[in-house]
Amino acid sequence: MVHEACEKNGYLMIITADHGNCENMRSGRGTCTTHSKSKVPFIITSNDYEIDKSLKNKGLKNIAPTILYLMKIDKPAEMTGKSLVKKLNK
């Protein structure tokens, strides 16, 4: 429903998450700062952009550069990731 409303109105929507560690935190072993190997969702709805399938080694390092790219903000040199999306040729 939200997805369809975004497409109809030309909105861009991103859904993503941290890969978390709740399965470790609930074990009763105390504080755990490691992350699991769970996959991280990255869902984008846009009439103007698509996932760049040519990009290899996609991961968390690419999320912030992607959001900066979509906001037309230059990526800091310290960020090694690249945008996960590219502009559609319309």
N, C-alpha and C. Protein backbone atom coordinates (compact mmCIF):
# COMPACT_ATOMS: atom_id res chain seq x y z
N MET A 1 0.82 -1.18 0.00
CA MET A 1 0.00 0.00 0.00
C MET A 1 0.87 1.26 0.00
N VAL A 2 1.84 1.33 0.90
CA VAL A 2 2.74 2.49 0.94
C VAL A 2 3.58 2.52 -0.33
N HIS A 3 4.06 1.37 -0.75
CA HIS A 3 4.86 1.25 -1.98
C HIS A 3 4.10 1.82 -3.17
N GLU A 4 2.85 1.42 -3.34
CA GLU A 4 2.04 1.90 -4.46
C GLU A 4 1.80 3.40 -4.38
N ALA A 5 1.57 3.92 -3.18
CA ALA A 5 1.35 5.36 -3.01
C ALA A 5 2.61 6.14 -3.38
N CYS A 6 3.78 5.62 -3.02
CA CYS A 6 5.04 6.27 -3.38
C CYS A 6 5.21 6.32 -4.89
N GLU A 7 4.99 5.19 -5.55
CA GLU A 7 5.13 5.15 -7.01
C GLU A 7 4.14 6.08 -7.69
N LYS A 8 2.89 6.08 -7.24
CA LYS A 8 1.85 6.91 -7.84
C LYS A 8 2.17 8.39 -7.72
N ASN A 9 2.74 8.80 -6.59
CA ASN A 9 3.00 10.22 -6.33
C ASN A 9 4.43 10.65 -6.62
N GLY A 10 5.26 9.73 -7.13
CA GLY A 10 6.63 10.07 -7.48
C GLY A 10 7.55 10.24 -6.28
N TYR A 11 7.20 9.61 -5.16
CA TYR A 11 8.04 9.68 -3.96
C TYR A 11 9.13 8.63 -4.02
N LEU A 12 10.20 8.89 -3.32
CA LEU A 12 11.27 7.92 -3.15
C LEU A 12 11.18 7.37 -1.73
N MET A 13 11.21 6.06 -1.59
CA MET A 13 11.15 5.45 -0.27
C MET A 13 12.28 4.43 -0.15
N ILE A 14 12.96 4.44 0.99
CA ILE A 14 14.00 3.46 1.28
C ILE A 14 13.64 2.76 2.58
N ILE A 15 13.75 1.44 2.57
CA ILE A 15 13.59 0.65 3.79
C ILE A 15 14.88 -0.13 3.97
N THR A 16 15.50 0.02 5.13
CA THR A 16 16.72 -0.71 5.44
C THR A 16 16.77 -0.95 6.94
N ALA A 17 17.77 -1.65 7.39
CA ALA A 17 17.89 -1.95 8.82
C ALA A 17 19.33 -2.30 9.15
N ASP A 18 19.63 -2.25 10.43
CA ASP A 18 20.90 -2.75 10.93
C ASP A 18 20.79 -4.27 10.96
N HIS A 19 21.90 -4.97 10.87
CA HIS A 19 21.82 -6.43 10.89
C HIS A 19 21.69 -6.98 12.30
N GLY A 20 21.79 -6.13 13.28
CA GLY A 20 21.44 -6.47 14.65
C GLY A 20 22.21 -7.60 15.30
N ASN A 21 21.88 -7.83 16.53
CA ASN A 21 22.47 -8.95 17.28
C ASN A 21 21.54 -9.41 18.38
N CYS A 22 20.25 -9.26 18.20
CA CYS A 22 19.30 -9.58 19.27
C CYS A 22 19.37 -11.05 19.68
N GLU A 23 19.72 -11.94 18.75
CA GLU A 23 19.81 -13.35 19.12
C GLU A 23 20.94 -13.60 20.11
N ASN A 24 21.97 -12.74 20.10
CA ASN A 24 23.06 -12.85 21.07
C ASN A 24 22.70 -12.16 22.38
N MET A 25 22.02 -11.04 22.30
CA MET A 25 21.69 -10.27 23.49
C MET A 25 20.69 -11.02 24.38
N ARG A 26 19.86 -11.84 23.80
CA ARG A 26 18.84 -12.55 24.56
C ARG A 26 19.37 -13.82 25.20
N SER A 27 20.61 -14.15 24.96
CA SER A 27 21.15 -15.42 25.46
C SER A 27 21.50 -15.38 26.94
N GLY A 28 21.52 -14.20 27.54
CA GLY A 28 21.86 -14.10 28.95
C GLY A 28 23.36 -14.09 29.21
N ARG A 29 24.16 -13.96 28.17
CA ARG A 29 25.62 -13.95 28.34
C ARG A 29 26.15 -12.54 28.60
N GLY A 30 25.29 -11.60 28.80
CA GLY A 30 25.75 -10.24 29.03
C GLY A 30 25.74 -9.43 27.75
N THR A 31 26.39 -8.28 27.79
CA THR A 31 26.42 -7.39 26.64
C THR A 31 27.25 -7.99 25.52
N CYS A 32 26.72 -7.97 24.35
CA CYS A 32 27.41 -8.51 23.18
C CYS A 32 27.42 -7.44 22.10
N THR A 33 28.58 -7.10 21.60
CA THR A 33 28.67 -6.05 20.59
C THR A 33 28.92 -6.59 19.19
N THR A 34 28.98 -7.90 19.05
CA THR A 34 29.18 -8.46 17.71
C THR A 34 27.88 -8.43 16.93
N HIS A 35 27.99 -8.47 15.64
CA HIS A 35 26.82 -8.51 14.78
C HIS A 35 26.68 -9.89 14.17
N SER A 36 25.48 -10.22 13.84
CA SER A 36 25.23 -11.51 13.21
C SER A 36 25.56 -11.42 11.72
N LYS A 37 25.44 -12.53 11.05
CA LYS A 37 25.67 -12.57 9.61
C LYS A 37 24.36 -12.49 8.84
N SER A 38 23.32 -12.01 9.51
CA SER A 38 22.02 -11.89 8.87
C SER A 38 22.08 -10.89 7.73
N LYS A 39 21.34 -11.17 6.69
CA LYS A 39 21.27 -10.26 5.54
C LYS A 39 20.56 -8.97 5.96
N VAL A 40 20.96 -7.86 5.37
CA VAL A 40 20.37 -6.56 5.65
C VAL A 40 19.46 -6.18 4.49
N PRO A 41 18.20 -5.85 4.76
CA PRO A 41 17.33 -5.45 3.66
C PRO A 41 17.69 -4.05 3.16
N PHE A 42 17.58 -3.87 1.87
CA PHE A 42 17.68 -2.53 1.28
C PHE A 42 16.66 -2.50 0.16
N ILE A 43 15.54 -1.87 0.46
CA ILE A 43 14.43 -1.82 -0.49
C ILE A 43 14.24 -0.37 -0.88
N ILE A 44 14.18 -0.12 -2.17
CA ILE A 44 13.99 1.24 -2.65
C ILE A 44 12.82 1.27 -3.63
N THR A 45 11.99 2.27 -3.48
CA THR A 45 10.90 2.52 -4.42
C THR A 45 11.16 3.88 -5.03
N SER A 46 11.29 3.91 -6.33
CA SER A 46 11.57 5.17 -7.00
C SER A 46 11.21 5.06 -8.47
N ASN A 47 10.68 6.13 -9.01
CA ASN A 47 10.43 6.19 -10.45
C ASN A 47 11.64 6.71 -11.20
N ASP A 48 12.65 7.22 -10.46
CA ASP A 48 13.79 7.87 -11.09
C ASP A 48 15.11 7.12 -10.95
N TYR A 49 15.18 6.14 -10.04
CA TYR A 49 16.43 5.42 -9.78
C TYR A 49 16.19 3.92 -9.81
N GLU A 50 17.26 3.18 -10.07
CA GLU A 50 17.21 1.73 -9.99
C GLU A 50 18.50 1.23 -9.35
N ILE A 51 18.46 0.00 -8.83
CA ILE A 51 19.65 -0.61 -8.24
C ILE A 51 20.70 -0.79 -9.32
N ASP A 52 21.93 -0.41 -9.02
CA ASP A 52 23.04 -0.56 -9.97
C ASP A 52 23.55 -2.00 -9.88
N LYS A 53 23.13 -2.82 -10.81
CA LYS A 53 23.49 -4.25 -10.79
C LYS A 53 24.96 -4.49 -11.12
N SER A 54 25.65 -3.50 -11.66
CA SER A 54 27.07 -3.67 -12.00
C SER A 54 27.97 -3.55 -10.78
N LEU A 55 27.45 -2.98 -9.69
CA LEU A 55 28.25 -2.79 -8.47
C LEU A 55 28.49 -4.13 -7.78
N LYS A 56 29.75 -4.45 -7.56
CA LYS A 56 30.13 -5.69 -6.87
C LYS A 56 30.33 -5.41 -5.38
N ASN A 57 30.31 -6.43 -4.57
CA ASN A 57 30.57 -6.34 -3.13
C ASN A 57 29.65 -5.34 -2.43
N LYS A 58 28.36 -5.50 -2.65
CA LYS A 58 27.39 -4.63 -1.98
C LYS A 58 27.34 -4.96 -0.49
N GLY A 59 27.15 -3.93 0.34
CA GLY A 59 27.08 -4.16 1.78
C GLY A 59 26.68 -2.90 2.53
N LEU A 60 26.79 -2.98 3.86
CA LEU A 60 26.42 -1.84 4.70
C LEU A 60 27.19 -0.58 4.35
N LYS A 61 28.44 -0.75 3.88
CA LYS A 61 29.26 0.42 3.56
C LYS A 61 28.65 1.25 2.43
N ASN A 62 27.69 0.69 1.70
CA ASN A 62 27.09 1.39 0.57
C ASN A 62 25.82 2.16 0.93
N ILE A 63 25.27 1.93 2.10
CA ILE A 63 23.98 2.55 2.43
C ILE A 63 24.09 4.07 2.59
N ALA A 64 25.02 4.55 3.40
CA ALA A 64 25.18 6.00 3.59
C ALA A 64 25.54 6.69 2.27
N PRO A 65 26.49 6.18 1.48
CA PRO A 65 26.77 6.82 0.20
C PRO A 65 25.55 6.86 -0.74
N THR A 66 24.71 5.84 -0.66
CA THR A 66 23.49 5.82 -1.48
C THR A 66 22.54 6.93 -1.07
N ILE A 67 22.33 7.06 0.23
CA ILE A 67 21.42 8.10 0.72
C ILE A 67 21.96 9.49 0.41
N LEU A 68 23.26 9.69 0.57
CA LEU A 68 23.87 10.98 0.21
C LEU A 68 23.70 11.27 -1.27
N TYR A 69 23.91 10.27 -2.11
CA TYR A 69 23.73 10.43 -3.56
C TYR A 69 22.29 10.85 -3.89
N LEU A 70 21.34 10.18 -3.27
CA LEU A 70 19.93 10.50 -3.52
C LEU A 70 19.57 11.90 -3.04
N MET A 71 20.26 12.38 -2.00
CA MET A 71 20.01 13.72 -1.47
C MET A 71 20.87 14.78 -2.17
N LYS A 72 21.66 14.34 -3.15
CA LYS A 72 22.56 15.23 -3.91
C LYS A 72 23.57 15.92 -2.99
N ILE A 73 24.10 15.14 -2.04
CA ILE A 73 25.13 15.61 -1.11
C ILE A 73 26.41 14.85 -1.43
N ASP A 74 27.53 15.57 -1.53
CA ASP A 74 28.81 14.93 -1.82
C ASP A 74 29.19 13.95 -0.72
N LYS A 75 29.71 12.82 -1.12
CA LYS A 75 30.17 11.79 -0.19
C LYS A 75 31.53 12.19 0.35
N PRO A 76 31.74 12.14 1.68
CA PRO A 76 33.06 12.43 2.24
C PRO A 76 34.10 11.44 1.72
N ALA A 77 35.32 11.90 1.57
CA ALA A 77 36.40 11.05 1.06
C ALA A 77 36.64 9.83 1.94
N GLU A 78 36.31 9.94 3.23
CA GLU A 78 36.53 8.83 4.16
C GLU A 78 35.61 7.63 3.88
N MET A 79 34.50 7.88 3.22
CA MET A 79 33.57 6.79 2.91
C MET A 79 34.08 6.01 1.71
N THR A 80 34.22 4.72 1.88
CA THR A 80 34.74 3.88 0.80
C THR A 80 33.64 3.23 -0.03
N GLY A 81 32.41 3.25 0.45
CA GLY A 81 31.30 2.65 -0.28
C GLY A 81 30.86 3.51 -1.46
N LYS A 82 30.08 2.90 -2.33
CA LYS A 82 29.53 3.59 -3.50
C LYS A 82 28.02 3.50 -3.46
N SER A 83 27.37 4.37 -4.21
CA SER A 83 25.92 4.35 -4.27
C SER A 83 25.42 3.04 -4.86
N LEU A 84 24.37 2.50 -4.27
CA LEU A 84 23.75 1.27 -4.75
C LEU A 84 22.79 1.52 -5.90
N VAL A 85 22.50 2.79 -6.18
CA VAL A 85 21.51 3.11 -7.21
C VAL A 85 22.12 3.98 -8.30
N LYS A 86 21.44 3.99 -9.42
CA LYS A 86 21.81 4.89 -10.51
C LYS A 86 20.54 5.50 -11.07
N LYS A 87 20.69 6.67 -11.65
CA LYS A 87 19.56 7.40 -12.22
C LYS A 87 19.09 6.70 -13.47
N LEU A 88 17.79 6.59 -13.62
CA LEU A 88 17.22 6.01 -14.83
C LEU A 88 17.32 7.01 -15.97
N ASN A 89 17.61 6.55 -17.14
CA ASN A 89 17.63 7.41 -18.33
C ASN A 89 16.22 7.51 -18.86
N LYS A 90 15.62 8.67 -18.68
CA LYS A 90 14.23 8.87 -19.14
C LYS A 90 14.21 9.86 -20.27
